[in-house]
Amino acid sequence: MFSVIWFFSLVLFSLILIKAADFAVHSLKKISFKLKVDIFFISAIVVALGTCLPEIVVAITSSLEGRPSLSLGNVLGANIANVSLVVGLSGVILGGVNLRAPNFTREVKSVFIAAFLLILLMLDGVISRVDGLILISAYAVYITLFLSEGESKEEHQSFGRHLFKPHFEFVNNIDFKLTEELVKLFISLGVLLFSAEMIVKSAVNLTSFLDFSVFDIGLVFIAIGTTLPELAFSIRSIKDHEPSMFLGNILGSLIANWTLIIGVAALISPIVVESVIHYFVPLFSFAIIFVAFRYFLKSKNRLERWEAVVLLSFYIIFLIIEFA
């Protein structure tokens, strides 16, 4: 009986978390457009961080609760779901997608480098606070390089003027709509934090009734829930004929998950890696799915519906292998 209650609690607060994240993403987008930030920057950095908000708050909350392995499972599961479920469902629902984006090759390399860095830090059996700082620093380097390789010097100068604008000048130029969006953003973040805390508690209690570890709960159940904002944004951006925003969000989310989110979780509470072999299946599954995703897009800048079905099939195979 209690297992059913905790399961429905997990589902309920996951839905609340997703809705709150959606409101936060909308506010972030409007704030970014108001400040005239470049659209590709919005998708790869701002919106990617926005759609990663569920993972971020779960990482913080689970680490404060002394369950940082839940965050590691959530990140691994979310990244697998992003490339298979999110991309696959988007392609199936929309019947194939034309995808072209600037700096696609560079972003793909960044994903591989971020994942490889995390694996290296896991080899000694613990992701320590120092490792967490390394991962956060790696994300900071990624953002710095991203900004330094923009399409035009003028865009960077314009962005720089907004980013480093003196505090009082910003306050003087703020208008009512921007203030309204900032209020919405803070309210959404508050709901996110509360929902994440309840999700962690539900997941921990659920593991006492089911034959699943905290890591496995994060790997599948919470991961699917926290990737729904990416799915909603992906379908919306493709319908709006913005493939660069779709790819920017997916690739930016992957990089943020591998580095920033795990880094924050480890900084709060070191993550003990009981056995690297235990993480082999999800890591290897991600590598296979991501290589297939890259091949499909690189071959003709289009994801066909049958290719999207292949990506979805990979996710089903991953679940079968993981829990067989």
Protein backbone atom coordinates (compact mmCIF):
# COMPACT_ATOMS: atom_id res chain seq x y z
CA MET A 1 0.00 0.00 0.00
CA PHE A 2 2.74 2.45 0.99
CA SER A 3 4.72 1.60 -2.15
CA VAL A 4 1.73 2.69 -4.27
CA ILE A 5 1.44 5.94 -2.30
CA TRP A 6 5.14 6.74 -2.75
CA PHE A 7 4.93 5.84 -6.45
CA PHE A 8 2.03 8.22 -7.05
CA SER A 9 3.84 10.85 -4.97
CA LEU A 10 6.85 10.42 -7.26
CA VAL A 11 4.67 10.81 -10.37
CA LEU A 12 2.70 13.77 -8.97
CA PHE A 13 5.71 15.83 -7.92
CA SER A 14 7.53 14.94 -11.14
CA LEU A 15 4.62 16.47 -13.08
CA ILE A 16 4.69 19.55 -10.84
CA LEU A 17 8.46 19.76 -11.32
CA ILE A 18 8.06 19.58 -15.10
CA LYS A 19 5.37 22.29 -15.15
CA ALA A 20 7.43 24.55 -12.92
CA ALA A 21 10.47 23.98 -15.15
CA ASP A 22 8.37 24.86 -18.20
CA PHE A 23 7.34 28.17 -16.60
CA ALA A 24 10.97 28.84 -15.67
CA VAL A 25 12.13 28.14 -19.24
CA HIS A 26 9.51 30.51 -20.67
CA SER A 27 10.65 33.23 -18.28
CA LEU A 28 14.32 32.61 -19.09
CA LYS A 29 13.62 32.87 -22.81
CA LYS A 30 11.69 36.12 -22.44
CA ILE A 31 14.37 37.61 -20.19
CA SER A 32 17.06 36.59 -22.67
CA PHE A 33 15.20 38.07 -25.65
CA LYS A 34 14.55 41.23 -23.67
CA LEU A 35 18.29 41.57 -23.07
CA LYS A 36 18.92 40.85 -26.80
CA VAL A 37 21.11 37.80 -26.32
CA ASP A 38 22.02 35.78 -29.45
CA ILE A 39 19.49 33.02 -30.29
CA PHE A 40 22.03 30.19 -30.51
CA PHE A 41 23.43 31.24 -27.14
CA ILE A 42 19.89 31.12 -25.79
CA SER A 43 19.36 27.55 -26.99
CA ALA A 44 22.77 26.07 -26.13
CA ILE A 45 23.31 27.83 -22.82
CA VAL A 46 20.28 29.66 -21.41
CA VAL A 47 17.46 27.31 -22.51
CA ALA A 48 19.67 24.24 -22.00
CA LEU A 49 20.27 25.34 -18.41
CA GLY A 50 16.57 26.11 -18.10
CA THR A 51 15.45 22.66 -19.23
CA CYS A 52 18.14 21.18 -16.96
CA LEU A 53 16.63 22.91 -13.93
CA PRO A 54 14.88 19.69 -12.76
CA GLU A 55 18.21 17.84 -12.85
CA ILE A 56 19.95 20.74 -11.08
CA VAL A 57 17.47 20.91 -8.21
CA VAL A 58 17.37 17.11 -7.90
CA ALA A 59 21.19 17.16 -7.73
CA ILE A 60 21.21 19.78 -4.99
CA THR A 61 18.37 18.23 -3.00
CA SER A 62 19.58 14.63 -3.25
CA SER A 63 23.10 15.65 -2.20
CA LEU A 64 21.79 17.62 0.78
CA GLU A 65 19.73 14.55 1.71
CA GLY A 66 22.91 12.44 1.57
CA ARG A 67 21.84 10.55 -1.60
CA PRO A 68 24.15 11.96 -4.31
CA SER A 69 24.06 8.66 -6.24
CA LEU A 70 20.44 9.54 -7.09
CA SER A 71 21.76 12.56 -9.00
CA LEU A 72 24.38 10.48 -10.83
CA GLY A 73 21.69 8.01 -11.90
CA ASN A 74 19.42 10.87 -12.92
CA VAL A 75 22.11 12.46 -15.10
CA LEU A 76 23.06 9.20 -16.83
CA GLY A 77 19.42 8.32 -17.41
CA ALA A 78 18.51 11.85 -18.51
CA ASN A 79 21.31 11.98 -21.09
CA ILE A 80 20.31 8.60 -22.52
CA ALA A 81 16.67 9.72 -22.59
CA ASN A 82 17.57 13.05 -24.22
CA VAL A 83 19.22 11.39 -27.23
CA SER A 84 16.82 8.47 -27.55
CA LEU A 85 13.41 9.39 -26.14
CA VAL A 86 13.43 13.16 -26.72
CA VAL A 87 15.01 13.10 -30.18
CA GLY A 88 13.24 9.87 -31.13
CA LEU A 89 9.76 10.96 -30.06
CA SER A 90 10.24 14.37 -31.71
CA GLY A 91 11.13 12.65 -34.99
CA VAL A 92 8.27 10.15 -34.78
CA ILE A 93 5.61 12.70 -33.81
CA LEU A 94 6.67 15.22 -36.46
CA GLY A 95 7.40 12.62 -39.15
CA GLY A 96 11.08 13.40 -39.67
CA VAL A 97 12.99 16.55 -38.95
CA ASN A 98 15.31 18.74 -41.04
CA LEU A 99 18.20 19.65 -38.80
CA ARG A 100 20.97 22.13 -39.49
CA ALA A 101 22.87 23.96 -36.81
CA PRO A 102 26.07 26.01 -36.65
CA ASN A 103 29.08 24.50 -34.87
CA PHE A 104 27.43 21.05 -34.76
CA THR A 105 30.77 19.20 -34.97
CA ARG A 106 32.30 21.30 -32.21
CA GLU A 107 29.35 20.71 -29.89
CA VAL A 108 29.46 16.94 -30.53
CA LYS A 109 33.16 16.88 -29.61
CA SER A 110 32.36 18.84 -26.45
CA VAL A 111 29.80 16.20 -25.43
CA PHE A 112 32.34 13.39 -25.87
CA ILE A 113 35.04 15.31 -23.97
CA ALA A 114 32.65 16.06 -21.08
CA ALA A 115 31.55 12.41 -20.83
CA PHE A 116 35.16 11.17 -21.03
CA LEU A 117 36.21 13.59 -18.28
CA LEU A 118 33.47 12.29 -15.98
CA ILE A 119 34.49 8.66 -16.62
CA LEU A 120 38.12 9.49 -15.78
CA LEU A 121 37.07 11.09 -12.49
CA MET A 122 34.97 8.00 -11.63
CA LEU A 123 37.83 5.53 -11.99
CA ASP A 124 39.19 6.01 -8.46
CA GLY A 125 35.84 5.02 -6.96
CA VAL A 126 34.62 8.44 -5.86
CA ILE A 127 33.66 11.75 -7.44
CA SER A 128 35.13 14.02 -4.77
CA ARG A 129 34.57 17.70 -4.08
CA VAL A 130 37.77 18.43 -5.98
CA ASP A 131 36.39 16.44 -8.91
CA GLY A 132 33.21 18.47 -8.61
CA LEU A 133 35.20 21.69 -8.92
CA ILE A 134 36.99 20.26 -11.97
CA LEU A 135 33.65 19.46 -13.64
CA ILE A 136 32.19 22.89 -12.85
CA SER A 137 35.38 24.53 -14.16
CA ALA A 138 35.11 22.44 -17.34
CA TYR A 139 31.60 23.81 -17.89
CA ALA A 140 32.87 27.35 -17.31
CA VAL A 141 35.60 26.75 -19.92
CA TYR A 142 32.96 25.42 -22.35
CA ILE A 143 30.87 28.59 -21.97
CA THR A 144 33.95 30.79 -22.37
CA LEU A 145 35.00 29.01 -25.57
CA PHE A 146 31.42 29.10 -26.82
CA LEU A 147 31.27 32.86 -26.43
CA SER A 148 34.73 33.42 -27.91
CA GLU A 149 33.80 31.58 -31.13
CA GLY A 150 30.63 33.47 -32.03
CA GLU A 151 29.69 34.30 -35.57
CA SER A 152 30.71 37.93 -35.35
CA LYS A 153 32.78 40.16 -33.12
CA GLU A 154 29.99 42.69 -33.03
CA GLU A 155 27.59 40.16 -31.52
CA HIS A 156 30.03 39.39 -28.73
CA GLN A 157 30.59 43.05 -28.05
CA SER A 158 26.85 43.59 -27.91
CA PHE A 159 26.39 40.61 -25.61
CA GLY A 160 29.30 41.72 -23.47
CA ARG A 161 27.75 45.11 -22.98
CA HIS A 162 24.61 43.44 -21.64
CA LEU A 163 26.46 40.85 -19.59
CA PHE A 164 28.82 43.26 -17.88
CA LYS A 165 26.55 46.29 -17.83
CA PRO A 166 26.92 48.21 -14.58
CA HIS A 167 24.40 47.21 -11.94
CA PHE A 168 22.72 50.58 -11.55
CA GLU A 169 22.36 51.09 -15.29
CA PHE A 170 20.59 47.74 -15.52
CA VAL A 171 18.23 48.64 -12.67
CA ASN A 172 17.41 52.02 -14.26
CA ASN A 173 16.53 50.41 -17.61
CA ILE A 174 14.48 47.53 -16.19
CA ASP A 175 10.81 47.66 -17.22
CA PHE A 176 7.58 46.19 -15.91
CA LYS A 177 7.51 43.15 -18.22
CA LEU A 178 11.06 42.19 -17.32
CA THR A 179 10.23 42.55 -13.61
CA GLU A 180 7.16 40.37 -14.11
CA GLU A 181 9.24 37.64 -15.77
CA LEU A 182 11.82 37.79 -12.97
CA VAL A 183 9.05 37.30 -10.39
CA LYS A 184 7.67 34.33 -12.36
CA LEU A 185 11.17 32.87 -12.58
CA PHE A 186 11.74 33.05 -8.80
CA ILE A 187 8.32 31.56 -8.05
CA SER A 188 9.00 28.72 -10.51
CA LEU A 189 12.37 28.07 -8.86
CA GLY A 190 10.69 27.88 -5.45
CA VAL A 191 8.20 25.29 -6.71
CA LEU A 192 11.07 23.41 -8.37
CA LEU A 193 13.00 23.18 -5.11
CA PHE A 194 9.98 21.94 -3.14
CA SER A 195 9.03 19.39 -5.83
CA ALA A 196 12.60 18.12 -6.07
CA GLU A 197 12.75 17.58 -2.31
CA MET A 198 9.52 15.56 -2.41
CA ILE A 199 10.77 13.56 -5.41
CA VAL A 200 13.94 12.61 -3.58
CA LYS A 201 12.00 11.57 -0.47
CA SER A 202 9.53 9.56 -2.57
CA ALA A 203 12.33 7.85 -4.48
CA VAL A 204 14.24 6.94 -1.31
CA ASN A 205 11.11 5.53 0.34
CA LEU A 206 10.16 3.67 -2.83
CA THR A 207 13.50 1.83 -2.87
CA SER A 208 12.64 0.27 0.50
CA PHE A 209 9.63 -1.46 -1.07
CA LEU A 210 11.02 -2.28 -4.53
CA ASP A 211 14.12 -4.21 -5.50
CA PHE A 212 15.72 -1.09 -7.01
CA SER A 213 18.68 0.91 -5.79
CA VAL A 214 18.53 4.70 -5.40
CA PHE A 215 20.78 4.90 -8.47
CA ASP A 216 18.31 2.82 -10.55
CA ILE A 217 15.35 4.98 -9.45
CA GLY A 218 17.22 8.05 -10.68
CA LEU A 219 18.42 6.27 -13.83
CA VAL A 220 14.91 5.53 -15.12
CA PHE A 221 11.93 6.93 -13.20
CA ILE A 222 13.25 10.38 -12.30
CA ALA A 223 15.30 10.66 -15.51
CA ILE A 224 12.22 10.24 -17.69
CA GLY A 225 10.36 12.87 -15.69
CA THR A 226 13.17 15.43 -15.73
CA THR A 227 13.66 15.14 -19.51
CA LEU A 228 10.05 16.04 -20.36
CA PRO A 229 10.90 19.79 -20.45
CA GLU A 230 13.46 19.02 -23.17
CA LEU A 231 10.83 17.03 -25.08
CA ALA A 232 8.29 19.87 -24.89
CA PHE A 233 10.86 22.46 -25.97
CA SER A 234 12.19 20.22 -28.78
CA ILE A 235 8.79 19.68 -30.37
CA ARG A 236 7.92 23.38 -30.01
CA SER A 237 11.21 24.57 -31.54
CA ILE A 238 10.92 22.19 -34.51
CA LYS A 239 7.33 23.27 -35.15
CA ASP A 240 8.57 26.87 -35.11
CA HIS A 241 11.20 25.92 -37.74
CA GLU A 242 14.11 26.52 -35.36
CA PRO A 243 16.29 23.38 -35.73
CA SER A 244 19.35 25.17 -34.36
CA MET A 245 17.46 25.80 -31.11
CA PHE A 246 16.47 22.12 -30.98
CA LEU A 247 20.04 20.88 -31.42
CA GLY A 248 21.48 23.61 -29.23
CA ASN A 249 19.16 22.64 -26.40
CA ILE A 250 19.88 18.90 -26.70
CA LEU A 251 23.67 19.21 -26.96
CA GLY A 252 23.84 21.99 -24.37
CA SER A 253 21.78 19.88 -21.93
CA LEU A 254 24.09 16.89 -22.39
CA ILE A 255 27.19 18.96 -21.64
CA ALA A 256 25.57 20.66 -18.63
CA ASN A 257 24.50 17.29 -17.23
CA TRP A 258 27.94 15.67 -17.59
CA THR A 259 29.78 18.59 -16.01
CA LEU A 260 27.83 21.26 -14.13
CA ILE A 261 25.13 19.10 -12.53
CA ILE A 262 27.38 16.24 -11.41
CA GLY A 263 29.91 18.85 -10.31
CA VAL A 264 27.36 20.62 -8.11
CA ALA A 265 26.17 17.33 -6.59
CA ALA A 266 29.73 16.19 -5.84
CA LEU A 267 30.67 19.59 -4.41
CA ILE A 268 27.85 19.31 -1.87
CA SER A 269 28.39 15.61 -1.11
CA PRO A 270 31.05 13.35 -2.71
CA ILE A 271 29.56 10.58 -4.86
CA VAL A 272 30.83 7.09 -4.04
CA VAL A 273 31.15 4.93 -7.18
CA GLU A 274 30.71 1.43 -5.78
CA SER A 275 31.79 -0.33 -8.98
CA VAL A 276 32.58 1.17 -12.36
CA ILE A 277 31.19 -2.04 -13.91
CA HIS A 278 27.76 -1.13 -12.50
CA TYR A 279 27.82 2.02 -14.65
CA PHE A 280 29.12 0.28 -17.76
CA VAL A 281 25.72 -0.49 -19.30
CA PRO A 282 24.31 3.09 -19.10
CA LEU A 283 27.62 4.65 -20.22
CA PHE A 284 28.05 2.22 -23.11
CA SER A 285 24.38 2.61 -24.06
CA PHE A 286 24.77 6.39 -24.19
CA ALA A 287 27.88 6.07 -26.40
CA ILE A 288 26.08 3.78 -28.88
CA ILE A 289 22.93 5.93 -29.01
CA PHE A 290 24.86 9.19 -29.35
CA VAL A 291 27.07 7.83 -32.16
CA ALA A 292 23.94 6.69 -34.01
CA PHE A 293 22.32 10.10 -33.44
CA ARG A 294 25.42 11.86 -34.78
CA TYR A 295 25.56 9.59 -37.84
CA PHE A 296 21.89 10.13 -38.70
CA LEU A 297 22.26 13.91 -38.56
CA LYS A 298 25.71 14.14 -40.15
CA SER A 299 24.77 12.03 -43.19
CA LYS A 300 22.09 14.36 -44.61
CA ASN A 301 21.20 16.98 -41.95
CA ARG A 302 17.86 15.24 -41.47
CA LEU A 303 16.39 12.75 -39.04
CA GLU A 304 13.98 10.41 -40.82
CA ARG A 305 11.05 8.84 -38.98
CA TRP A 306 12.55 5.35 -39.21
CA GLU A 307 15.79 6.67 -37.72
CA ALA A 308 13.80 8.17 -34.86
CA VAL A 309 12.21 4.74 -34.32
CA VAL A 310 15.71 3.23 -34.17
CA LEU A 311 16.68 5.68 -31.41
CA LEU A 312 13.54 4.79 -29.45
CA SER A 313 14.32 1.09 -29.91
CA PHE A 314 17.78 1.66 -28.43
CA TYR A 315 16.17 3.00 -25.27
CA ILE A 316 13.93 -0.06 -24.92
CA ILE A 317 16.96 -2.34 -25.40
CA PHE A 318 18.83 -0.35 -22.76
CA LEU A 319 16.01 -0.87 -20.24
CA ILE A 320 15.87 -4.60 -20.98
CA ILE A 321 19.62 -5.03 -20.51
CA GLU A 322 19.76 -2.85 -17.40
CA PHE A 323 16.97 -4.66 -15.54
CA ALA A 324 17.15 -8.16 -17.01
